[in-house]
PDB file of N, CA and C in Angstrom:
ATOM      1  N   ALA A   1      83.053  93.219  96.041  1.00  0.00           N
ATOM      2  CA  ALA A   1      84.305  93.901  95.708  1.00  0.00           C
ATOM      3  C   ALA A   1      85.394  92.899  95.542  1.00  0.00           C
ATOM      4  N   LEU A   2      85.479  91.963  96.442  1.00  0.00           N
ATOM      5  CA  LEU A   2      86.545  90.900  96.397  1.00  0.00           C
ATOM      6  C   LEU A   2      86.334  89.997  95.166  1.00  0.00           C
ATOM      7  N   GLU A   3      85.096  89.699  94.875  1.00  0.00           N
ATOM      8  CA  GLU A   3      84.807  88.792  93.679  1.00  0.00           C
ATOM      9  C   GLU A   3      85.269  89.570  92.407  1.00  0.00           C
ATOM     10  N   LEU A   4      84.925  90.780  92.214  1.00  0.00           N
ATOM     11  CA  LEU A   4      85.342  91.519  91.062  1.00  0.00           C
ATOM     12  C   LEU A   4      86.844  91.605  90.969  1.00  0.00           C
ATOM     13  N   HIS A   5      87.478  91.893  92.067  1.00  0.00           N
ATOM     14  CA  HIS A   5      88.954  91.933  92.074  1.00  0.00           C
ATOM     15  C   HIS A   5      89.576  90.597  91.684  1.00  0.00           C
ATOM     16  N   ARG A   6      89.013  89.567  92.212  1.00  0.00           N
ATOM     17  CA  ARG A   6      89.530  88.204  91.925  1.00  0.00           C
ATOM     18  C   ARG A   6      89.370  87.878  90.448  1.00  0.00           C
ATOM     19  N   ARG A   7      88.192  88.181  89.881  1.00  0.00           N
ATOM     20  CA  ARG A   7      87.962  87.910  88.456  1.00  0.00           C
ATOM     21  C   ARG A   7      88.825  88.750  87.603  1.00  0.00           C
ATOM     22  N   ILE A   8      89.036  89.976  87.957  1.00  0.00           N
ATOM     23  CA  ILE A   8      89.939  90.831  87.125  1.00  0.00           C
ATOM     24  C   ILE A   8      91.423  90.323  87.155  1.00  0.00           C
ATOM     25  N   THR A   9      91.901  89.929  88.393  1.00  0.00           N
ATOM     26  CA  THR A   9      93.263  89.482  88.423  1.00  0.00           C
ATOM     27  C   THR A   9      93.484  88.128  87.635  1.00  0.00           C
ATOM     28  N   VAL A  10      92.425  87.342  87.532  1.00  0.00           N
ATOM     29  CA  VAL A  10      92.481  86.111  86.764  1.00  0.00           C
ATOM     30  C   VAL A  10      92.298  86.428  85.201  1.00  0.00           C
ATOM     31  N   SER A  11      91.475  87.320  84.902  1.00  0.00           N
ATOM     32  CA  SER A  11      91.134  87.594  83.460  1.00  0.00           C
ATOM     33  C   SER A  11      92.162  88.477  82.769  1.00  0.00           C
ATOM     34  N   PHE A  12      92.766  89.392  83.474  1.00  0.00           N
ATOM     35  CA  PHE A  12      93.702  90.368  82.820  1.00  0.00           C
ATOM     36  C   PHE A  12      95.055  90.148  83.340  1.00  0.00           C
ATOM     37  N   LEU A  13      95.760  89.212  82.672  1.00  0.00           N
ATOM     38  CA  LEU A  13      97.159  88.880  83.103  1.00  0.00           C
ATOM     39  C   LEU A  13      98.150  89.802  82.323  1.00  0.00           C
ATOM     40  N   PRO A  14      99.241  90.159  82.959  1.00  0.00           N
ATOM     41  CA  PRO A  14     100.293  90.929  82.242  1.00  0.00           C
ATOM     42  C   PRO A  14     100.862  90.125  81.064  1.00  0.00           C
ATOM     43  N   THR A  15     101.092  90.842  79.992  1.00  0.00           N
ATOM     44  CA  THR A  15     101.792  90.259  78.799  1.00  0.00           C
ATOM     45  C   THR A  15     102.941  91.237  78.378  1.00  0.00           C
ATOM     46  N   ALA A  16     103.661  90.895  77.360  1.00  0.00           N
ATOM     47  CA  ALA A  16     104.752  91.710  76.948  1.00  0.00           C
ATOM     48  C   ALA A  16     104.202  93.133  76.494  1.00  0.00           C
ATOM     49  N   ILE A  17     103.031  93.183  75.922  1.00  0.00           N
ATOM     50  CA  ILE A  17     102.451  94.476  75.474  1.00  0.00           C
ATOM     51  C   ILE A  17     101.674  95.127  76.586  1.00  0.00           C
ATOM     52  N   LYS A  18     101.025  94.307  77.442  1.00  0.00           N
ATOM     53  CA  LYS A  18     100.215  94.814  78.533  1.00  0.00           C
ATOM     54  C   LYS A  18     100.878  94.499  79.846  1.00  0.00           C
ATOM     55  N   PHE A  19     102.087  94.886  79.953  1.00  0.00           N
ATOM     56  CA  PHE A  19     102.970  94.595  81.116  1.00  0.00           C
ATOM     57  C   PHE A  19     102.403  95.320  82.411  1.00  0.00           C
ATOM     58  N   HIS A  20     101.645  96.352  82.221  1.00  0.00           N
ATOM     59  CA  HIS A  20     101.125  97.099  83.395  1.00  0.00           C
ATOM     60  C   HIS A  20      99.802  96.522  83.929  1.00  0.00           C
ATOM     61  N   TYR A  21      99.317  95.438  83.360  1.00  0.00           N
ATOM     62  CA  TYR A  21      98.141  94.766  83.898  1.00  0.00           C
ATOM     63  C   TYR A  21      98.446  94.016  85.168  1.00  0.00           C
ATOM     64  N   ILE A  22      98.872  94.744  86.217  1.00  0.00           N
ATOM     65  CA  ILE A  22      99.166  94.188  87.487  1.00  0.00           C
ATOM     66  C   ILE A  22      98.116  94.795  88.459  1.00  0.00           C
ATOM     67  N   PHE A  23      97.239  93.873  88.936  1.00  0.00           N
ATOM     68  CA  PHE A  23      96.153  94.332  89.841  1.00  0.00           C
ATOM     69  C   PHE A  23      96.486  93.757  91.194  1.00  0.00           C
ATOM     70  N   ASN A  24      96.460  94.594  92.237  1.00  0.00           N
ATOM     71  CA  ASN A  24      96.691  94.118  93.612  1.00  0.00           C
ATOM     72  C   ASN A  24      95.744  94.691  94.634  1.00  0.00           C
ATOM     73  N   LEU A  25      95.971  94.403  95.911  1.00  0.00           N
ATOM     74  CA  LEU A  25      95.034  94.949  96.915  1.00  0.00           C
ATOM     75  C   LEU A  25      95.037  96.463  96.990  1.00  0.00           C
ATOM     76  N   ARG A  26      96.043  97.066  96.511  1.00  0.00           N
ATOM     77  CA  ARG A  26      96.135  98.478  96.523  1.00  0.00           C
ATOM     78  C   ARG A  26      94.949  99.142  95.620  1.00  0.00           C
ATOM     79  N   ASP A  27      94.678  98.423  94.543  1.00  0.00           N
ATOM     80  CA  ASP A  27      93.551  98.886  93.701  1.00  0.00           C
ATOM     81  C   ASP A  27      92.256  98.767  94.453  1.00  0.00           C
ATOM     82  N   LEU A  28      92.057  97.741  95.199  1.00  0.00           N
ATOM     83  CA  LEU A  28      90.816  97.561  95.992  1.00  0.00           C
ATOM     84  C   LEU A  28      90.805  98.651  97.118  1.00  0.00           C
ATOM     85  N   SER A  29      91.907  98.919  97.674  1.00  0.00           N
ATOM     86  CA  SER A  29      91.999  99.964  98.680  1.00  0.00           C
ATOM     87  C   SER A  29      91.649 101.308  98.085  1.00  0.00           C
ATOM     88  N   ASN A  30      92.088 101.596  96.839  1.00  0.00           N
ATOM     89  CA  ASN A  30      91.788 102.865  96.210  1.00  0.00           C
ATOM     90  C   ASN A  30      90.338 103.046  95.964  1.00  0.00           C
ATOM     91  N   ILE A  31      89.664 101.974  95.634  1.00  0.00           N
ATOM     92  CA  ILE A  31      88.175 102.076  95.472  1.00  0.00           C
ATOM     93  C   ILE A  31      87.531 102.522  96.768  1.00  0.00           C
ATOM     94  N   PHE A  32      87.860 101.822  97.870  1.00  0.00           N
ATOM     95  CA  PHE A  32      87.163 102.151  99.082  1.00  0.00           C
ATOM     96  C   PHE A  32      87.630 103.470  99.626  1.00  0.00           C
ATOM     97  N   GLN A  33      88.881 103.878  99.414  1.00  0.00           N
ATOM     98  CA  GLN A  33      89.294 105.179  99.829  1.00  0.00           C
ATOM     99  C   GLN A  33      88.507 106.227  99.088  1.00  0.00           C
ATOM    100  N   ALA A  34      88.251 106.103  97.841  1.00  0.00           N
ATOM    101  CA  ALA A  34      87.521 107.098  97.068  1.00  0.00           C
ATOM    102  C   ALA A  34      86.054 107.095  97.563  1.00  0.00           C
ATOM    103  N   ILE A  35      85.484 106.022  97.928  1.00  0.00           N
ATOM    104  CA  ILE A  35      84.095 105.955  98.429  1.00  0.00           C
ATOM    105  C   ILE A  35      84.029 106.703  99.834  1.00  0.00           C
ATOM    106  N   LEU A  36      85.068 106.544 100.637  1.00  0.00           N
ATOM    107  CA  LEU A  36      85.133 107.268 101.884  1.00  0.00           C
ATOM    108  C   LEU A  36      85.264 108.747 101.781  1.00  0.00           C
ATOM    109  N   PHE A  37      85.766 109.227 100.698  1.00  0.00           N
ATOM    110  CA  PHE A  37      85.893 110.610 100.474  1.00  0.00           C
ATOM    111  C   PHE A  37      84.599 111.279  99.945  1.00  0.00           C
ATOM    112  N   ALA A  38      83.632 110.495  99.629  1.00  0.00           N
ATOM    113  CA  ALA A  38      82.360 111.016  99.192  1.00  0.00           C
ATOM    114  C   ALA A  38      81.661 111.771 100.325  1.00  0.00           C
ATOM    115  N   LYS A  39      81.005 112.872  99.986  1.00  0.00           N
ATOM    116  CA  LYS A  39      80.317 113.591 101.048  1.00  0.00           C
ATOM    117  C   LYS A  39      79.064 112.808 101.426  1.00  0.00           C
ATOM    118  N   PRO A  40      78.766 112.778 102.729  1.00  0.00           N
ATOM    119  CA  PRO A  40      77.602 111.961 103.156  1.00  0.00           C
ATOM    120  C   PRO A  40      76.276 112.289 102.466  1.00  0.00           C
ATOM    121  N   ASP A  41      76.064 113.583 102.110  1.00  0.00           N
ATOM    122  CA  ASP A  41      74.787 113.909 101.438  1.00  0.00           C
ATOM    123  C   ASP A  41      74.794 113.399 100.000  1.00  0.00           C
ATOM    124  N   ALA A  42      75.885 112.963  99.466  1.00  0.00           N
ATOM    125  CA  ALA A  42      75.899 112.354  98.058  1.00  0.00           C
ATOM    126  C   ALA A  42      75.396 110.919  98.118  1.00  0.00           C
ATOM    127  N   ILE A  43      75.383 110.295  99.269  1.00  0.00           N
ATOM    128  CA  ILE A  43      74.897 108.903  99.385  1.00  0.00           C
ATOM    129  C   ILE A  43      73.685 108.849 100.299  1.00  0.00           C
ATOM    130  N   LYS A  44      72.563 109.003  99.621  1.00  0.00           N
ATOM    131  CA  LYS A  44      71.290 109.033 100.347  1.00  0.00           C
ATOM    132  C   LYS A  44      70.600 107.673 100.482  1.00  0.00           C
ATOM    133  N   THR A  45      70.861 106.846  99.446  1.00  0.00           N
ATOM    134  CA  THR A  45      70.257 105.490  99.403  1.00  0.00           C
ATOM    135  C   THR A  45      71.293 104.473  99.139  1.00  0.00           C
ATOM    136  N   HIS A  46      70.887 103.182  99.264  1.00  0.00           N
ATOM    137  CA  HIS A  46      71.847 102.128  98.988  1.00  0.00           C
ATOM    138  C   HIS A  46      72.207 102.106  97.506  1.00  0.00           C
ATOM    139  N   HIS A  47      71.209 102.498  96.676  1.00  0.00           N
ATOM    140  CA  HIS A  47      71.486 102.577  95.232  1.00  0.00           C
ATOM    141  C   HIS A  47      72.565 103.682  94.903  1.00  0.00           C
ATOM    142  N   ASP A  48      72.642 104.706  95.626  1.00  0.00           N
ATOM    143  CA  ASP A  48      73.691 105.705  95.425  1.00  0.00           C
ATOM    144  C   ASP A  48      75.060 105.079  95.849  1.00  0.00           C
ATOM    145  N   LEU A  49      75.119 104.298  96.846  1.00  0.00           N
ATOM    146  CA  LEU A  49      76.397 103.634  97.237  1.00  0.00           C
ATOM    147  C   LEU A  49      76.804 102.650  96.191  1.00  0.00           C
ATOM    148  N   ILE A  50      75.833 101.890  95.650  1.00  0.00           N
ATOM    149  CA  ILE A  50      76.207 100.899  94.646  1.00  0.00           C
ATOM    150  C   ILE A  50      76.750 101.619  93.380  1.00  0.00           C
ATOM    151  N   ARG A  51      76.048 102.702  92.989  1.00  0.00           N
ATOM    152  CA  ARG A  51      76.476 103.412  91.802  1.00  0.00           C
ATOM    153  C   ARG A  51      77.841 103.967  92.007  1.00  0.00           C
ATOM    154  N   LEU A  52      78.105 104.532  93.197  1.00  0.00           N
ATOM    155  CA  LEU A  52      79.420 105.027  93.514  1.00  0.00           C
ATOM    156  C   LEU A  52      80.496 103.962  93.481  1.00  0.00           C
ATOM    157  N   TYR A  53      80.204 102.754  94.009  1.00  0.00           N
ATOM    158  CA  TYR A  53      81.136 101.638  93.986  1.00  0.00           C
ATOM    159  C   TYR A  53      81.424 101.303  92.510  1.00  0.00           C
ATOM    160  N   LEU A  54      80.394 101.146  91.695  1.00  0.00           N
ATOM    161  CA  LEU A  54      80.587 100.796  90.302  1.00  0.00           C
ATOM    162  C   LEU A  54      81.458 101.813  89.537  1.00  0.00           C
ATOM    163  N   HIS A  55      81.162 103.061  89.831  1.00  0.00           N
ATOM    164  CA  HIS A  55      81.985 104.126  89.208  1.00  0.00           C
ATOM    165  C   HIS A  55      83.412 104.110  89.633  1.00  0.00           C
ATOM    166  N   GLU A  56      83.676 103.922  90.908  1.00  0.00           N
ATOM    167  CA  GLU A  56      85.036 103.929  91.380  1.00  0.00           C
ATOM    168  C   GLU A  56      85.796 102.645  90.967  1.00  0.00           C
ATOM    169  N   SER A  57      85.170 101.564  90.913  1.00  0.00           N
ATOM    170  CA  SER A  57      85.767 100.317  90.431  1.00  0.00           C
ATOM    171  C   SER A  57      86.146 100.501  88.946  1.00  0.00           C
ATOM    172  N   GLU A  58      85.302 101.082  88.207  1.00  0.00           N
ATOM    173  CA  GLU A  58      85.569 101.297  86.769  1.00  0.00           C
ATOM    174  C   GLU A  58      86.782 102.284  86.661  1.00  0.00           C
ATOM    175  N   ARG A  59      86.771 103.353  87.436  1.00  0.00           N
ATOM    176  CA  ARG A  59      87.842 104.278  87.388  1.00  0.00           C
ATOM    177  C   ARG A  59      89.173 103.587  87.685  1.00  0.00           C
ATOM    178  N   VAL A  60      89.234 102.777  88.750  1.00  0.00           N
ATOM    179  CA  VAL A  60      90.440 102.167  89.150  1.00  0.00           C
ATOM    180  C   VAL A  60      90.958 101.068  88.197  1.00  0.00           C
ATOM    181  N   TYR A  61      90.065 100.121  87.859  1.00  0.00           N
ATOM    182  CA  TYR A  61      90.396  99.028  87.018  1.00  0.00           C
ATOM    183  C   TYR A  61      90.457  99.310  85.500  1.00  0.00           C
ATOM    184  N   CYS A  62      89.347  99.966  85.059  1.00  0.00           N
ATOM    185  CA  CYS A  62      89.186 100.156  83.617  1.00  0.00           C
ATOM    186  C   CYS A  62      90.200 101.168  83.073  1.00  0.00           C
ATOM    187  N   ASP A  63      90.526 102.107  83.880  1.00  0.00           N
ATOM    188  CA  ASP A  63      91.556 103.121  83.451  1.00  0.00           C
ATOM    189  C   ASP A  63      92.860 102.504  83.033  1.00  0.00           C
ATOM    190  N   LYS A  64      93.172 101.308  83.546  1.00  0.00           N
ATOM    191  CA  LYS A  64      94.453 100.619  83.208  1.00  0.00           C
ATOM    192  C   LYS A  64      94.362  99.883  81.892  1.00  0.00           C
ATOM    193  N   LEU A  65      93.182  99.623  81.407  1.00  0.00           N
ATOM    194  CA  LEU A  65      92.986  98.762  80.229  1.00  0.00           C
ATOM    195  C   LEU A  65      93.250  99.531  79.005  1.00  0.00           C
ATOM    196  N   VAL A  66      93.858  98.943  78.008  1.00  0.00           N
ATOM    197  CA  VAL A  66      94.367  99.697  76.848  1.00  0.00           C
ATOM    198  C   VAL A  66      93.520  99.456  75.548  1.00  0.00           C
ATOM    199  N   ASP A  67      92.774  98.376  75.447  1.00  0.00           N
ATOM    200  CA  ASP A  67      92.081  98.153  74.211  1.00  0.00           C
ATOM    201  C   ASP A  67      90.541  97.909  74.398  1.00  0.00           C
ATOM    202  N   ARG A  68      89.833  98.168  73.422  1.00  0.00           N
ATOM    203  CA  ARG A  68      88.358  98.093  73.524  1.00  0.00           C
ATOM    204  C   ARG A  68      87.894  96.678  73.938  1.00  0.00           C
ATOM    205  N   THR A  69      88.538  95.666  73.483  1.00  0.00           N
ATOM    206  CA  THR A  69      88.181  94.222  73.823  1.00  0.00           C
ATOM    207  C   THR A  69      88.268  94.069  75.349  1.00  0.00           C
ATOM    208  N   ASP A  70      89.372  94.550  75.968  1.00  0.00           N
ATOM    209  CA  ASP A  70      89.575  94.387  77.437  1.00  0.00           C
ATOM    210  C   ASP A  70      88.516  95.262  78.167  1.00  0.00           C
ATOM    211  N   ILE A  71      88.247  96.475  77.688  1.00  0.00           N
ATOM    212  CA  ILE A  71      87.259  97.348  78.297  1.00  0.00           C
ATOM    213  C   ILE A  71      85.883  96.701  78.301  1.00  0.00           C
ATOM    214  N   ASP A  72      85.541  96.125  77.142  1.00  0.00           N
ATOM    215  CA  ASP A  72      84.242  95.438  77.015  1.00  0.00           C
ATOM    216  C   ASP A  72      84.159  94.223  77.965  1.00  0.00           C
ATOM    217  N   MET A  73      85.310  93.521  78.099  1.00  0.00           N
ATOM    218  CA  MET A  73      85.325  92.359  78.923  1.00  0.00           C
ATOM    219  C   MET A  73      85.221  92.821  80.416  1.00  0.00           C
ATOM    220  N   PHE A  74      85.884  93.909  80.763  1.00  0.00           N
ATOM    221  CA  PHE A  74      85.713  94.435  82.102  1.00  0.00           C
ATOM    222  C   PHE A  74      84.293  94.825  82.390  1.00  0.00           C
ATOM    223  N   THR A  75      83.671  95.459  81.483  1.00  0.00           N
ATOM    224  CA  THR A  75      82.241  95.899  81.659  1.00  0.00           C
ATOM    225  C   THR A  75      81.373  94.671  81.917  1.00  0.00           C
ATOM    226  N   LYS A  76      81.606  93.691  81.144  1.00  0.00           N
ATOM    227  CA  LYS A  76      80.800  92.428  81.276  1.00  0.00           C
ATOM    228  C   LYS A  76      81.066  91.822  82.675  1.00  0.00           C
ATOM    229  N   LEU A  77      82.290  91.705  83.062  1.00  0.00           N
ATOM    230  CA  LEU A  77      82.648  91.165  84.381  1.00  0.00           C
ATOM    231  C   LEU A  77      81.957  91.994  85.540  1.00  0.00           C
ATOM    232  N   GLN A  78      82.108  93.270  85.376  1.00  0.00           N
ATOM    233  CA  GLN A  78      81.529  94.112  86.398  1.00  0.00           C
ATOM    234  C   GLN A  78      80.006  93.969  86.490  1.00  0.00           C
ATOM    235  N   ARG A  79      79.351  93.904  85.393  1.00  0.00           N
ATOM    236  CA  ARG A  79      77.853  93.744  85.360  1.00  0.00           C
ATOM    237  C   ARG A  79      77.521  92.379  86.037  1.00  0.00           C
ATOM    238  N   GLU A  80      78.202  91.317  85.632  1.00  0.00           N
ATOM    239  CA  GLU A  80      77.918  89.994  86.230  1.00  0.00           C
ATOM    240  C   GLU A  80      78.064  89.976  87.664  1.00  0.00           C
ATOM    241  N   VAL A  81      79.169  90.521  88.170  1.00  0.00           N
ATOM    242  CA  VAL A  81      79.405  90.502  89.625  1.00  0.00           C
ATOM    243  C   VAL A  81      78.401  91.404  90.343  1.00  0.00           C
ATOM    244  N   ALA A  82      78.155  92.559  89.775  1.00  0.00           N
ATOM    245  CA  ALA A  82      77.132  93.487  90.383  1.00  0.00           C
ATOM    246  C   ALA A  82      75.746  92.871  90.403  1.00  0.00           C
ATOM    247  N   LYS A  83      75.390  92.242  89.309  1.00  0.00           N
ATOM    248  CA  LYS A  83      74.004  91.607  89.299  1.00  0.00           C
ATOM    249  C   LYS A  83      73.906  90.476  90.373  1.00  0.00           C
ATOM    250  N   LYS A  84      75.010  89.706  90.439  1.00  0.00           N
ATOM    251  CA  LYS A  84      74.955  88.598  91.450  1.00  0.00           C
ATOM    252  C   LYS A  84      74.948  89.158  92.830  1.00  0.00           C
ATOM    253  N   ALA A  85      75.701  90.172  93.096  1.00  0.00           N
ATOM    254  CA  ALA A  85      75.817  90.692  94.511  1.00  0.00           C
ATOM    255  C   ALA A  85      74.696  91.628  94.927  1.00  0.00           C
ATOM    256  N   PHE A  86      74.133  92.383  94.002  1.00  0.00           N
ATOM    257  CA  PHE A  86      73.216  93.382  94.402  1.00  0.00           C
ATOM    258  C   PHE A  86      71.745  93.127  94.031  1.00  0.00           C
ATOM    259  N   ASP A  87      71.474  91.999  93.329  1.00  0.00           N
ATOM    260  CA  ASP A  87      70.070  91.687  92.982  1.00  0.00           C
ATOM    261  C   ASP A  87      69.433  90.854  94.064  1.00  0.00           C
TER     262      ASP A  87
END
């Protein structure tokens, strides 16, 4: 989670057009808060937890992105970090 957050803060910097590209620890907190709200029976295996984390990180970070190039770059970063962390 920290690696993905670090890579996002470095890769998506605010610009005049994308001034809302400000990522901070509150985003990371929102991911884990959403995971904690999941019902225990929804997470039966570690794969379920990983899928939930990936979904919530996409919801928090990707929802701020405004163009297809940035969304594709986020997806690539998320896959790289997940593969490294969970394989």
